[in-house]
Amino acid sequence: MSRRAKSFALREKSALWHAADFTRNFALPTLGAVYVVWDVARGGASAFDWALFASLLFLTSLGMSVGLHRLFSHNAFEPAPWLNYTLAVLGSMTWQRPLFQWVVRHKFHHMMADRPGDYHSPHFTNEGQALRHPLLKFLHAHYAWLHLSDVDVDAYPQLTRKLRADQGLVLIDKWYDAIALCSILLPALSGAAFYGTWAGFVDGLMWGGLARIFMLLHLTWMVNSLGHLIGERGYETNDKSTNVPILGYLLVGEGYHNNHHAFPASPTLAVDPGQFDLGWIMIKLMHKFGWVKSYKSPPTAKQRAMKRAELAGEPPSTDLEAAS
């Protein structure tokens, strides 16, 4: 059976399932974002609201980028056990599907990048239908793919074998829905405790919960869509991945998507001068504290020069000083 045939046929799901999924992943977070805009416009936003939003956005961004992506999908570093579970929980608080599904889907994104079998490519649907109109490309890669097809995790046990050997990660994957619910209840309770009112509960729910999820979901989806449609290509890859620097700043380094496809095992996505990767800074900081035991080496100057030469169709330079 082909890789494409083992997808999860979401089109066979009921209309109720699609309505519930749309409500959870799009409508409710959008409601939170609208509430925050209204709260700011009427002068109701407090320093606590902004701090709650920013702190949880930062922590869950690390859960997605450093945890789900660099650690669990690419084994870019070795964390202490407590950090391993903390990143898994924070990643589950992003509302981006359970741990194992996220990892298997991302592995397919690399194996089948911008070809049929890549679930969120802007160029093909998973079933092989070519997408030609720019707006359709963007909409499919940004959100619509979530309602077309997704990976059947159980069909590829080899891709999660290492993760499933850790019973703590198995439990975190199993209790994804409860963790996702807690990700909005905890900031709501924080708001209630700080303000001492039900209005504070709603403020916390919206600012630290739904609006924060809205921001992180759309930033992540932009890597899927914009990161394969616009931007710059510094390195040769077997796909159309690009670097969108503004996303690198907004999403702890994730905007350097072409860099990542060129060097997927690298713990840093910012491999060139002038690029900023807060996720990599945090990995190195946690290494100094002993929370990260070791990490893989970033690409060398020679490796980067070779990839740049491939993109230009030229033989690689042997001058490593010029290549660095």
C-alpha atoms as a PDB file:
ATOM      1  CA  MET A   1       0.000   0.000   0.000  1.00  0.00           C
ATOM      2  CA  SER A   2       1.334   3.431  -0.893  1.00  0.00           C
ATOM      3  CA  ARG A   3       2.117   6.087   1.674  1.00  0.00           C
ATOM      4  CA  ARG A   4      -0.724   8.234   0.375  1.00  0.00           C
ATOM      5  CA  ALA A   5      -3.227   5.383   0.756  1.00  0.00           C
ATOM      6  CA  LYS A   6      -2.509   5.154   4.467  1.00  0.00           C
ATOM      7  CA  SER A   7      -3.792   8.623   5.184  1.00  0.00           C
ATOM      8  CA  PHE A   8      -6.597   9.328   7.605  1.00  0.00           C
ATOM      9  CA  ALA A   9      -9.658   9.941   5.404  1.00  0.00           C
ATOM     10  CA  LEU A  10     -11.070  13.029   7.053  1.00  0.00           C
ATOM     11  CA  ARG A  11     -13.476  13.534   4.167  1.00  0.00           C
ATOM     12  CA  GLU A  12     -15.291  10.448   5.436  1.00  0.00           C
ATOM     13  CA  LYS A  13     -15.838  12.066   8.817  1.00  0.00           C
ATOM     14  CA  SER A  14     -19.296  13.339   9.669  1.00  0.00           C
ATOM     15  CA  ALA A  15     -20.361  16.937   9.217  1.00  0.00           C
ATOM     16  CA  LEU A  16     -20.598  17.141  13.011  1.00  0.00           C
ATOM     17  CA  TRP A  17     -16.935  16.148  13.350  1.00  0.00           C
ATOM     18  CA  HIS A  18     -15.855  18.834  10.888  1.00  0.00           C
ATOM     19  CA  ALA A  19     -18.035  21.433  12.620  1.00  0.00           C
ATOM     20  CA  ALA A  20     -16.555  20.527  16.009  1.00  0.00           C
ATOM     21  CA  ASP A  21     -13.003  20.605  14.666  1.00  0.00           C
ATOM     22  CA  PHE A  22     -13.589  23.960  12.978  1.00  0.00           C
ATOM     23  CA  THR A  23     -15.027  25.321  16.208  1.00  0.00           C
ATOM     24  CA  ARG A  24     -12.090  24.102  18.252  1.00  0.00           C
ATOM     25  CA  ASN A  25      -9.210  24.995  15.930  1.00  0.00           C
ATOM     26  CA  PHE A  26     -10.550  28.100  14.200  1.00  0.00           C
ATOM     27  CA  ALA A  27     -13.752  29.641  15.576  1.00  0.00           C
ATOM     28  CA  LEU A  28     -12.942  29.634  19.310  1.00  0.00           C
ATOM     29  CA  PRO A  29      -9.362  30.918  18.923  1.00  0.00           C
ATOM     30  CA  THR A  30     -10.658  33.605  16.552  1.00  0.00           C
ATOM     31  CA  LEU A  31     -13.221  34.612  19.185  1.00  0.00           C
ATOM     32  CA  GLY A  32     -10.374  35.001  21.651  1.00  0.00           C
ATOM     33  CA  ALA A  33      -8.420  37.190  19.230  1.00  0.00           C
ATOM     34  CA  VAL A  34     -11.468  39.390  18.576  1.00  0.00           C
ATOM     35  CA  TYR A  35     -12.030  39.750  22.337  1.00  0.00           C
ATOM     36  CA  VAL A  36      -8.429  40.880  22.861  1.00  0.00           C
ATOM     37  CA  VAL A  37      -8.658  43.452  20.057  1.00  0.00           C
ATOM     38  CA  TRP A  38     -11.903  44.743  21.596  1.00  0.00           C
ATOM     39  CA  ASP A  39     -10.370  44.795  25.076  1.00  0.00           C
ATOM     40  CA  VAL A  40      -7.378  46.807  23.839  1.00  0.00           C
ATOM     41  CA  ALA A  41      -9.598  49.196  21.843  1.00  0.00           C
ATOM     42  CA  ARG A  42     -11.754  49.988  24.883  1.00  0.00           C
ATOM     43  CA  GLY A  43      -8.736  50.479  27.124  1.00  0.00           C
ATOM     44  CA  GLY A  44      -9.445  47.417  29.250  1.00  0.00           C
ATOM     45  CA  ALA A  45      -6.143  45.587  28.736  1.00  0.00           C
ATOM     46  CA  SER A  46      -3.939  45.465  31.826  1.00  0.00           C
ATOM     47  CA  ALA A  47      -0.264  44.654  32.329  1.00  0.00           C
ATOM     48  CA  PHE A  48      -1.382  41.314  33.792  1.00  0.00           C
ATOM     49  CA  ASP A  49      -3.314  40.488  30.606  1.00  0.00           C
ATOM     50  CA  TRP A  50      -0.301  41.209  28.419  1.00  0.00           C
ATOM     51  CA  ALA A  51       2.043  39.302  30.721  1.00  0.00           C
ATOM     52  CA  LEU A  52      -0.260  36.268  30.742  1.00  0.00           C
ATOM     53  CA  PHE A  53      -0.554  36.325  26.955  1.00  0.00           C
ATOM     54  CA  ALA A  54       3.173  36.814  26.325  1.00  0.00           C
ATOM     55  CA  SER A  55       4.439  34.298  28.879  1.00  0.00           C
ATOM     56  CA  LEU A  56       2.138  31.492  27.735  1.00  0.00           C
ATOM     57  CA  LEU A  57       2.792  32.285  24.072  1.00  0.00           C
ATOM     58  CA  PHE A  58       6.526  32.042  24.734  1.00  0.00           C
ATOM     59  CA  LEU A  59       6.299  28.786  26.707  1.00  0.00           C
ATOM     60  CA  THR A  60       3.976  27.034  24.264  1.00  0.00           C
ATOM     61  CA  SER A  61       6.022  28.279  21.300  1.00  0.00           C
ATOM     62  CA  LEU A  62       8.990  26.523  22.875  1.00  0.00           C
ATOM     63  CA  GLY A  63       6.793  23.451  23.376  1.00  0.00           C
ATOM     64  CA  MET A  64       6.020  23.387  19.659  1.00  0.00           C
ATOM     65  CA  SER A  65       9.381  24.411  18.189  1.00  0.00           C
ATOM     66  CA  VAL A  66      11.923  23.053  20.669  1.00  0.00           C
ATOM     67  CA  GLY A  67       9.726  20.147  21.805  1.00  0.00           C
ATOM     68  CA  LEU A  68       7.434  18.761  19.103  1.00  0.00           C
ATOM     69  CA  HIS A  69       9.699  19.822  16.262  1.00  0.00           C
ATOM     70  CA  ARG A  70      13.387  19.743  17.152  1.00  0.00           C
ATOM     71  CA  LEU A  71      13.303  17.163  19.959  1.00  0.00           C
ATOM     72  CA  PHE A  72      10.532  14.681  19.226  1.00  0.00           C
ATOM     73  CA  SER A  73      10.579  14.872  15.410  1.00  0.00           C
ATOM     74  CA  HIS A  74      14.324  15.281  14.780  1.00  0.00           C
ATOM     75  CA  ASN A  75      16.105  14.201  17.995  1.00  0.00           C
ATOM     76  CA  ALA A  76      18.228  17.348  17.774  1.00  0.00           C
ATOM     77  CA  PHE A  77      19.189  17.233  21.457  1.00  0.00           C
ATOM     78  CA  GLU A  78      18.958  15.043  24.559  1.00  0.00           C
ATOM     79  CA  PRO A  79      17.004  16.601  27.448  1.00  0.00           C
ATOM     80  CA  ALA A  80      16.785  15.688  31.093  1.00  0.00           C
ATOM     81  CA  PRO A  81      13.713  13.472  31.715  1.00  0.00           C
ATOM     82  CA  TRP A  82      11.701  16.226  33.418  1.00  0.00           C
ATOM     83  CA  LEU A  83      12.384  18.597  30.494  1.00  0.00           C
ATOM     84  CA  ASN A  84      11.372  15.883  28.041  1.00  0.00           C
ATOM     85  CA  TYR A  85       7.917  15.643  29.633  1.00  0.00           C
ATOM     86  CA  THR A  86       7.589  19.393  30.163  1.00  0.00           C
ATOM     87  CA  LEU A  87       8.174  20.080  26.462  1.00  0.00           C
ATOM     88  CA  ALA A  88       5.699  17.346  25.517  1.00  0.00           C
ATOM     89  CA  VAL A  89       3.022  18.919  27.725  1.00  0.00           C
ATOM     90  CA  LEU A  90       3.743  22.435  26.474  1.00  0.00           C
ATOM     91  CA  GLY A  91       3.580  21.162  22.890  1.00  0.00           C
ATOM     92  CA  SER A  92       0.201  19.567  23.627  1.00  0.00           C
ATOM     93  CA  MET A  93      -1.033  22.931  24.919  1.00  0.00           C
ATOM     94  CA  THR A  94      -0.708  24.396  21.393  1.00  0.00           C
ATOM     95  CA  TRP A  95      -3.856  22.631  20.073  1.00  0.00           C
ATOM     96  CA  GLN A  96      -1.885  21.155  17.150  1.00  0.00           C
ATOM     97  CA  ARG A  97      -3.029  17.539  17.558  1.00  0.00           C
ATOM     98  CA  PRO A  98      -1.521  14.848  19.844  1.00  0.00           C
ATOM     99  CA  LEU A  99       2.223  14.319  20.160  1.00  0.00           C
ATOM    100  CA  PHE A 100       2.557  11.179  18.027  1.00  0.00           C
ATOM    101  CA  GLN A 101       0.355  12.535  15.257  1.00  0.00           C
ATOM    102  CA  TRP A 102       2.357  15.771  15.121  1.00  0.00           C
ATOM    103  CA  VAL A 103       5.624  13.851  14.867  1.00  0.00           C
ATOM    104  CA  VAL A 104       4.509  11.355  12.213  1.00  0.00           C
ATOM    105  CA  ARG A 105       2.908  14.098  10.124  1.00  0.00           C
ATOM    106  CA  HIS A 106       6.106  16.147  10.274  1.00  0.00           C
ATOM    107  CA  LYS A 107       8.237  13.184   9.270  1.00  0.00           C
ATOM    108  CA  PHE A 108       6.009  12.753   6.218  1.00  0.00           C
ATOM    109  CA  HIS A 109       6.398  16.449   5.482  1.00  0.00           C
ATOM    110  CA  HIS A 110      10.132  15.843   5.087  1.00  0.00           C
ATOM    111  CA  MET A 111       9.855  12.511   3.279  1.00  0.00           C
ATOM    112  CA  MET A 112       7.292  13.786   0.758  1.00  0.00           C
ATOM    113  CA  ALA A 113       7.910  17.554   0.844  1.00  0.00           C
ATOM    114  CA  ASP A 114       5.825  19.395  -1.760  1.00  0.00           C
ATOM    115  CA  ARG A 115       4.742  16.115  -3.332  1.00  0.00           C
ATOM    116  CA  PRO A 116       1.595  14.020  -2.903  1.00  0.00           C
ATOM    117  CA  GLY A 117       1.851  12.633   0.620  1.00  0.00           C
ATOM    118  CA  ASP A 118       2.824  15.964   2.169  1.00  0.00           C
ATOM    119  CA  TYR A 119      -0.357  16.780   4.051  1.00  0.00           C
ATOM    120  CA  HIS A 120       0.043  20.542   4.157  1.00  0.00           C
ATOM    121  CA  SER A 121       1.974  21.381   1.000  1.00  0.00           C
ATOM    122  CA  PRO A 122       0.606  24.398  -0.885  1.00  0.00           C
ATOM    123  CA  HIS A 123       1.406  22.680  -4.175  1.00  0.00           C
ATOM    124  CA  PHE A 124      -0.400  19.321  -3.908  1.00  0.00           C
ATOM    125  CA  THR A 125      -3.144  17.786  -1.845  1.00  0.00           C
ATOM    126  CA  ASN A 126      -2.263  14.541  -0.092  1.00  0.00           C
ATOM    127  CA  GLU A 127      -4.286  12.683  -2.753  1.00  0.00           C
ATOM    128  CA  GLY A 128      -2.119  14.124  -5.527  1.00  0.00           C
ATOM    129  CA  GLN A 129      -4.298  16.945  -6.853  1.00  0.00           C
ATOM    130  CA  ALA A 130      -2.128  19.827  -8.062  1.00  0.00           C
ATOM    131  CA  LEU A 131      -3.010  23.229  -6.651  1.00  0.00           C
ATOM    132  CA  ARG A 132      -2.479  26.097  -9.097  1.00  0.00           C
ATOM    133  CA  HIS A 133      -4.302  29.224  -7.946  1.00  0.00           C
ATOM    134  CA  PRO A 134      -2.187  31.222  -5.437  1.00  0.00           C
ATOM    135  CA  LEU A 135      -5.121  31.723  -3.072  1.00  0.00           C
ATOM    136  CA  LEU A 136      -5.999  28.025  -3.098  1.00  0.00           C
ATOM    137  CA  LYS A 137      -2.360  27.160  -2.455  1.00  0.00           C
ATOM    138  CA  PHE A 138      -2.285  29.411   0.579  1.00  0.00           C
ATOM    139  CA  LEU A 139      -5.653  28.349   1.985  1.00  0.00           C
ATOM    140  CA  HIS A 140      -4.924  24.637   1.603  1.00  0.00           C
ATOM    141  CA  ALA A 141      -1.517  24.779   3.297  1.00  0.00           C
ATOM    142  CA  HIS A 142      -2.647  27.221   5.958  1.00  0.00           C
ATOM    143  CA  TYR A 143      -5.803  25.526   7.185  1.00  0.00           C
ATOM    144  CA  ALA A 144      -7.996  23.603   4.722  1.00  0.00           C
ATOM    145  CA  TRP A 145      -5.757  20.511   4.726  1.00  0.00           C
ATOM    146  CA  LEU A 146      -6.934  19.844   8.293  1.00  0.00           C
ATOM    147  CA  HIS A 147     -10.345  18.942   6.837  1.00  0.00           C
ATOM    148  CA  LEU A 148      -9.132  16.875   3.869  1.00  0.00           C
ATOM    149  CA  SER A 149      -6.773  14.176   5.093  1.00  0.00           C
ATOM    150  CA  ASP A 150      -4.240  13.502   7.796  1.00  0.00           C
ATOM    151  CA  VAL A 151      -1.717  10.845   8.673  1.00  0.00           C
ATOM    152  CA  ASP A 152      -2.803   7.473  10.048  1.00  0.00           C
ATOM    153  CA  VAL A 153      -0.388   7.229  12.968  1.00  0.00           C
ATOM    154  CA  ASP A 154      -1.080   3.546  13.668  1.00  0.00           C
ATOM    155  CA  ALA A 155      -0.061   2.622  10.106  1.00  0.00           C
ATOM    156  CA  TYR A 156       3.530   3.715  10.796  1.00  0.00           C
ATOM    157  CA  PRO A 157       4.530   2.391  14.241  1.00  0.00           C
ATOM    158  CA  GLN A 158       8.198   2.514  13.272  1.00  0.00           C
ATOM    159  CA  LEU A 159       8.071   6.319  13.177  1.00  0.00           C
ATOM    160  CA  THR A 160       7.081   6.582  16.841  1.00  0.00           C
ATOM    161  CA  ARG A 161       8.772   3.439  18.227  1.00  0.00           C
ATOM    162  CA  LYS A 162      11.314   5.390  20.284  1.00  0.00           C
ATOM    163  CA  LEU A 163       8.647   7.718  21.679  1.00  0.00           C
ATOM    164  CA  ARG A 164       6.281   4.860  22.541  1.00  0.00           C
ATOM    165  CA  ALA A 165       9.034   3.207  24.577  1.00  0.00           C
ATOM    166  CA  ASP A 166       8.614   6.060  27.077  1.00  0.00           C
ATOM    167  CA  GLN A 167       5.395   5.494  29.033  1.00  0.00           C
ATOM    168  CA  GLY A 168       5.346   9.111  30.139  1.00  0.00           C
ATOM    169  CA  LEU A 169       5.108  10.259  26.526  1.00  0.00           C
ATOM    170  CA  VAL A 170       2.460   7.603  25.815  1.00  0.00           C
ATOM    171  CA  LEU A 171       0.334   9.060  28.626  1.00  0.00           C
ATOM    172  CA  ILE A 172       0.840  12.627  27.406  1.00  0.00           C
ATOM    173  CA  ASP A 173      -0.247  11.576  23.914  1.00  0.00           C
ATOM    174  CA  LYS A 174      -3.264   9.720  25.324  1.00  0.00           C
ATOM    175  CA  TRP A 175      -4.357  12.638  27.521  1.00  0.00           C
ATOM    176  CA  TYR A 176      -3.968  15.260  24.803  1.00  0.00           C
ATOM    177  CA  ASP A 177      -7.573  16.493  25.044  1.00  0.00           C
ATOM    178  CA  ALA A 178      -7.319  16.980  28.805  1.00  0.00           C
ATOM    179  CA  ILE A 179      -4.034  18.874  28.446  1.00  0.00           C
ATOM    180  CA  ALA A 180      -5.533  21.034  25.690  1.00  0.00           C
ATOM    181  CA  LEU A 181      -8.476  21.862  27.967  1.00  0.00           C
ATOM    182  CA  CYS A 182      -6.147  22.706  30.848  1.00  0.00           C
ATOM    183  CA  SER A 183      -4.251  25.066  28.531  1.00  0.00           C
ATOM    184  CA  ILE A 184      -7.230  27.446  28.592  1.00  0.00           C
ATOM    185  CA  LEU A 185      -8.549  26.675  32.084  1.00  0.00           C
ATOM    186  CA  LEU A 186      -5.243  27.452  33.835  1.00  0.00           C
ATOM    187  CA  PRO A 187      -4.957  31.005  32.477  1.00  0.00           C
ATOM    188  CA  ALA A 188      -8.679  31.490  33.165  1.00  0.00           C
ATOM    189  CA  LEU A 189      -8.170  30.476  36.797  1.00  0.00           C
ATOM    190  CA  SER A 190      -5.102  32.724  36.955  1.00  0.00           C
ATOM    191  CA  GLY A 191      -7.234  35.635  35.775  1.00  0.00           C
ATOM    192  CA  ALA A 192      -9.904  34.815  38.326  1.00  0.00           C
ATOM    193  CA  ALA A 193      -7.329  34.649  41.119  1.00  0.00           C
ATOM    194  CA  PHE A 194      -5.673  37.928  40.105  1.00  0.00           C
ATOM    195  CA  TYR A 195      -8.849  39.965  39.611  1.00  0.00           C
ATOM    196  CA  GLY A 196     -11.063  38.072  42.061  1.00  0.00           C
ATOM    197  CA  THR A 197     -14.035  38.202  39.673  1.00  0.00           C
ATOM    198  CA  TRP A 198     -15.767  36.173  36.986  1.00  0.00           C
ATOM    199  CA  ALA A 199     -14.750  38.902  34.542  1.00  0.00           C
ATOM    200  CA  GLY A 200     -11.158  38.083  35.451  1.00  0.00           C
ATOM    201  CA  PHE A 201     -11.862  34.425  34.641  1.00  0.00           C
ATOM    202  CA  VAL A 202     -13.080  35.461  31.181  1.00  0.00           C
ATOM    203  CA  ASP A 203     -10.098  37.773  30.701  1.00  0.00           C
ATOM    204  CA  GLY A 204      -7.650  34.973  31.500  1.00  0.00           C
ATOM    205  CA  LEU A 205      -9.534  32.526  29.293  1.00  0.00           C
ATOM    206  CA  MET A 206      -9.395  34.888  26.339  1.00  0.00           C
ATOM    207  CA  TRP A 207      -5.937  36.428  26.735  1.00  0.00           C
ATOM    208  CA  GLY A 208      -3.856  33.510  28.004  1.00  0.00           C
ATOM    209  CA  GLY A 209      -6.034  30.836  26.425  1.00  0.00           C
ATOM    210  CA  LEU A 210      -7.886  31.364  23.175  1.00  0.00           C
ATOM    211  CA  ALA A 211      -6.094  34.456  21.819  1.00  0.00           C
ATOM    212  CA  ARG A 212      -2.712  32.932  22.601  1.00  0.00           C
ATOM    213  CA  ILE A 213      -3.745  29.750  20.782  1.00  0.00           C
ATOM    214  CA  PHE A 214      -4.982  31.826  17.824  1.00  0.00           C
ATOM    215  CA  MET A 215      -1.614  33.538  17.505  1.00  0.00           C
ATOM    216  CA  LEU A 216       0.425  30.355  17.775  1.00  0.00           C
ATOM    217  CA  LEU A 217      -1.772  28.347  15.408  1.00  0.00           C
ATOM    218  CA  HIS A 218      -1.635  30.958  12.670  1.00  0.00           C
ATOM    219  CA  LEU A 219       2.101  31.530  13.050  1.00  0.00           C
ATOM    220  CA  THR A 220       2.672  27.782  12.769  1.00  0.00           C
ATOM    221  CA  TRP A 221       0.340  27.509   9.773  1.00  0.00           C
ATOM    222  CA  MET A 222       2.235  30.371   8.098  1.00  0.00           C
ATOM    223  CA  VAL A 223       5.363  28.221   8.143  1.00  0.00           C
ATOM    224  CA  ASN A 224       3.361  25.603   6.217  1.00  0.00           C
ATOM    225  CA  SER A 225       1.915  28.102   3.748  1.00  0.00           C
ATOM    226  CA  LEU A 226       4.182  31.142   3.384  1.00  0.00           C
ATOM    227  CA  GLY A 227       7.261  29.020   4.085  1.00  0.00           C
ATOM    228  CA  HIS A 228       6.656  27.159   0.815  1.00  0.00           C
ATOM    229  CA  LEU A 229       5.314  30.057  -1.267  1.00  0.00           C
ATOM    230  CA  ILE A 230       7.271  33.263  -0.644  1.00  0.00           C
ATOM    231  CA  GLY A 231      10.636  34.187   0.814  1.00  0.00           C
ATOM    232  CA  GLU A 232      14.243  33.351   0.046  1.00  0.00           C
ATOM    233  CA  ARG A 233      16.038  30.110  -0.713  1.00  0.00           C
ATOM    234  CA  GLY A 234      19.601  30.001   0.524  1.00  0.00           C
ATOM    235  CA  TYR A 235      20.163  26.260   0.139  1.00  0.00           C
ATOM    236  CA  GLU A 236      19.302  23.491  -2.284  1.00  0.00           C
ATOM    237  CA  THR A 237      16.510  21.163  -1.137  1.00  0.00           C
ATOM    238  CA  ASN A 238      14.183  18.718  -2.882  1.00  0.00           C
ATOM    239  CA  ASP A 239      11.192  20.994  -2.278  1.00  0.00           C
ATOM    240  CA  LYS A 240      10.127  24.634  -2.428  1.00  0.00           C
ATOM    241  CA  SER A 241      10.820  25.559   1.190  1.00  0.00           C
ATOM    242  CA  THR A 242      11.805  29.186   1.860  1.00  0.00           C
ATOM    243  CA  ASN A 243      13.049  31.424   4.646  1.00  0.00           C
ATOM    244  CA  VAL A 244      10.593  34.075   5.872  1.00  0.00           C
ATOM    245  CA  PRO A 245      12.728  36.035   8.373  1.00  0.00           C
ATOM    246  CA  ILE A 246       9.835  37.801  10.124  1.00  0.00           C
ATOM    247  CA  LEU A 247       8.491  34.380  11.128  1.00  0.00           C
ATOM    248  CA  GLY A 248      11.909  33.551  12.522  1.00  0.00           C
ATOM    249  CA  TYR A 249      11.521  36.425  14.986  1.00  0.00           C
ATOM    250  CA  LEU A 250       7.855  35.811  15.753  1.00  0.00           C
ATOM    251  CA  LEU A 251       8.061  32.013  16.148  1.00  0.00           C
ATOM    252  CA  VAL A 252      11.325  31.281  17.988  1.00  0.00           C
ATOM    253  CA  GLY A 253      13.310  30.622  14.787  1.00  0.00           C
ATOM    254  CA  GLU A 254      10.776  28.569  12.828  1.00  0.00           C
ATOM    255  CA  GLY A 255      10.679  31.018   9.910  1.00  0.00           C
ATOM    256  CA  TYR A 256      14.001  29.748   8.528  1.00  0.00           C
ATOM    257  CA  HIS A 257      12.234  26.868   6.849  1.00  0.00           C
ATOM    258  CA  ASN A 258      14.601  26.453   3.893  1.00  0.00           C
ATOM    259  CA  ASN A 259      17.501  26.223   6.329  1.00  0.00           C
ATOM    260  CA  HIS A 260      15.611  23.537   8.214  1.00  0.00           C
ATOM    261  CA  HIS A 261      14.865  21.467   5.119  1.00  0.00           C
ATOM    262  CA  ALA A 262      18.503  21.701   4.095  1.00  0.00           C
ATOM    263  CA  PHE A 263      19.741  20.636   7.556  1.00  0.00           C
ATOM    264  CA  PRO A 264      16.785  18.952   9.304  1.00  0.00           C
ATOM    265  CA  ALA A 265      18.764  17.484  12.213  1.00  0.00           C
ATOM    266  CA  SER A 266      20.305  20.814  13.185  1.00  0.00           C
ATOM    267  CA  PRO A 267      19.246  22.093  16.622  1.00  0.00           C
ATOM    268  CA  THR A 268      19.368  25.630  15.225  1.00  0.00           C
ATOM    269  CA  LEU A 269      17.347  26.881  12.274  1.00  0.00           C
ATOM    270  CA  ALA A 270      19.328  30.131  12.039  1.00  0.00           C
ATOM    271  CA  VAL A 271      22.497  28.906  10.336  1.00  0.00           C
ATOM    272  CA  ASP A 272      23.604  32.133   8.597  1.00  0.00           C
ATOM    273  CA  PRO A 273      24.864  35.467   9.987  1.00  0.00           C
ATOM    274  CA  GLY A 274      22.136  37.915  10.935  1.00  0.00           C
ATOM    275  CA  GLN A 275      19.493  35.235  11.543  1.00  0.00           C
ATOM    276  CA  PHE A 276      17.849  35.000  14.969  1.00  0.00           C
ATOM    277  CA  ASP A 277      16.642  31.772  16.568  1.00  0.00           C
ATOM    278  CA  LEU A 278      15.374  32.165  20.121  1.00  0.00           C
ATOM    279  CA  GLY A 279      14.708  28.420  20.315  1.00  0.00           C
ATOM    280  CA  TRP A 280      18.411  27.724  19.754  1.00  0.00           C
ATOM    281  CA  ILE A 281      19.376  30.301  22.366  1.00  0.00           C
ATOM    282  CA  MET A 282      17.124  28.521  24.854  1.00  0.00           C
ATOM    283  CA  ILE A 283      18.611  25.101  23.997  1.00  0.00           C
ATOM    284  CA  LYS A 284      22.137  26.417  24.619  1.00  0.00           C
ATOM    285  CA  LEU A 285      21.008  28.122  27.845  1.00  0.00           C
ATOM    286  CA  MET A 286      19.358  24.916  29.088  1.00  0.00           C
ATOM    287  CA  HIS A 287      22.557  23.061  28.203  1.00  0.00           C
ATOM    288  CA  LYS A 288      24.537  25.408  30.464  1.00  0.00           C
ATOM    289  CA  PHE A 289      22.126  24.628  33.311  1.00  0.00           C
ATOM    290  CA  GLY A 290      22.479  20.887  32.665  1.00  0.00           C
ATOM    291  CA  TRP A 291      18.866  20.495  31.554  1.00  0.00           C
ATOM    292  CA  VAL A 292      20.013  19.531  28.053  1.00  0.00           C
ATOM    293  CA  LYS A 293      22.645  16.810  28.199  1.00  0.00           C
ATOM    294  CA  SER A 294      23.896  17.161  24.614  1.00  0.00           C
ATOM    295  CA  TYR A 295      22.849  18.439  21.210  1.00  0.00           C
ATOM    296  CA  LYS A 296      23.734  17.687  17.615  1.00  0.00           C
ATOM    297  CA  SER A 297      26.213  19.908  15.832  1.00  0.00           C
ATOM    298  CA  PRO A 298      24.855  22.716  13.624  1.00  0.00           C
ATOM    299  CA  PRO A 299      25.911  22.519   9.958  1.00  0.00           C
ATOM    300  CA  THR A 300      29.551  23.365   9.316  1.00  0.00           C
ATOM    301  CA  ALA A 301      30.760  26.060   6.944  1.00  0.00           C
ATOM    302  CA  LYS A 302      31.718  23.353   4.441  1.00  0.00           C
ATOM    303  CA  GLN A 303      28.256  21.750   4.577  1.00  0.00           C
ATOM    304  CA  ARG A 304      26.581  25.123   4.089  1.00  0.00           C
ATOM    305  CA  ALA A 305      28.874  25.992   1.182  1.00  0.00           C
ATOM    306  CA  MET A 306      28.057  22.720  -0.546  1.00  0.00           C
ATOM    307  CA  LYS A 307      24.303  23.299  -0.241  1.00  0.00           C
ATOM    308  CA  ARG A 308      24.642  26.861  -1.512  1.00  0.00           C
ATOM    309  CA  ALA A 309      26.685  25.659  -4.470  1.00  0.00           C
ATOM    310  CA  GLU A 310      24.058  23.044  -5.311  1.00  0.00           C
ATOM    311  CA  LEU A 311      21.402  25.766  -5.364  1.00  0.00           C
ATOM    312  CA  ALA A 312      23.519  27.889  -7.727  1.00  0.00           C
ATOM    313  CA  GLY A 313      24.408  24.897  -9.900  1.00  0.00           C
ATOM    314  CA  GLU A 314      28.101  25.479  -9.271  1.00  0.00           C
ATOM    315  CA  PRO A 315      30.867  23.309  -7.806  1.00  0.00           C
ATOM    316  CA  PRO A 316      31.339  24.048  -4.100  1.00  0.00           C
ATOM    317  CA  SER A 317      34.151  26.377  -3.065  1.00  0.00           C
ATOM    318  CA  THR A 318      37.032  24.938  -1.035  1.00  0.00           C
ATOM    319  CA  ASP A 319      37.620  28.279   0.653  1.00  0.00           C
ATOM    320  CA  LEU A 320      35.984  27.755   4.016  1.00  0.00           C
ATOM    321  CA  GLU A 321      36.750  31.300   5.132  1.00  0.00           C
ATOM    322  CA  ALA A 322      34.675  32.643   2.246  1.00  0.00           C
ATOM    323  CA  ALA A 323      31.954  30.074   2.932  1.00  0.00           C
ATOM    324  CA  SER A 324      31.531  30.900   6.617  1.00  0.00           C
END
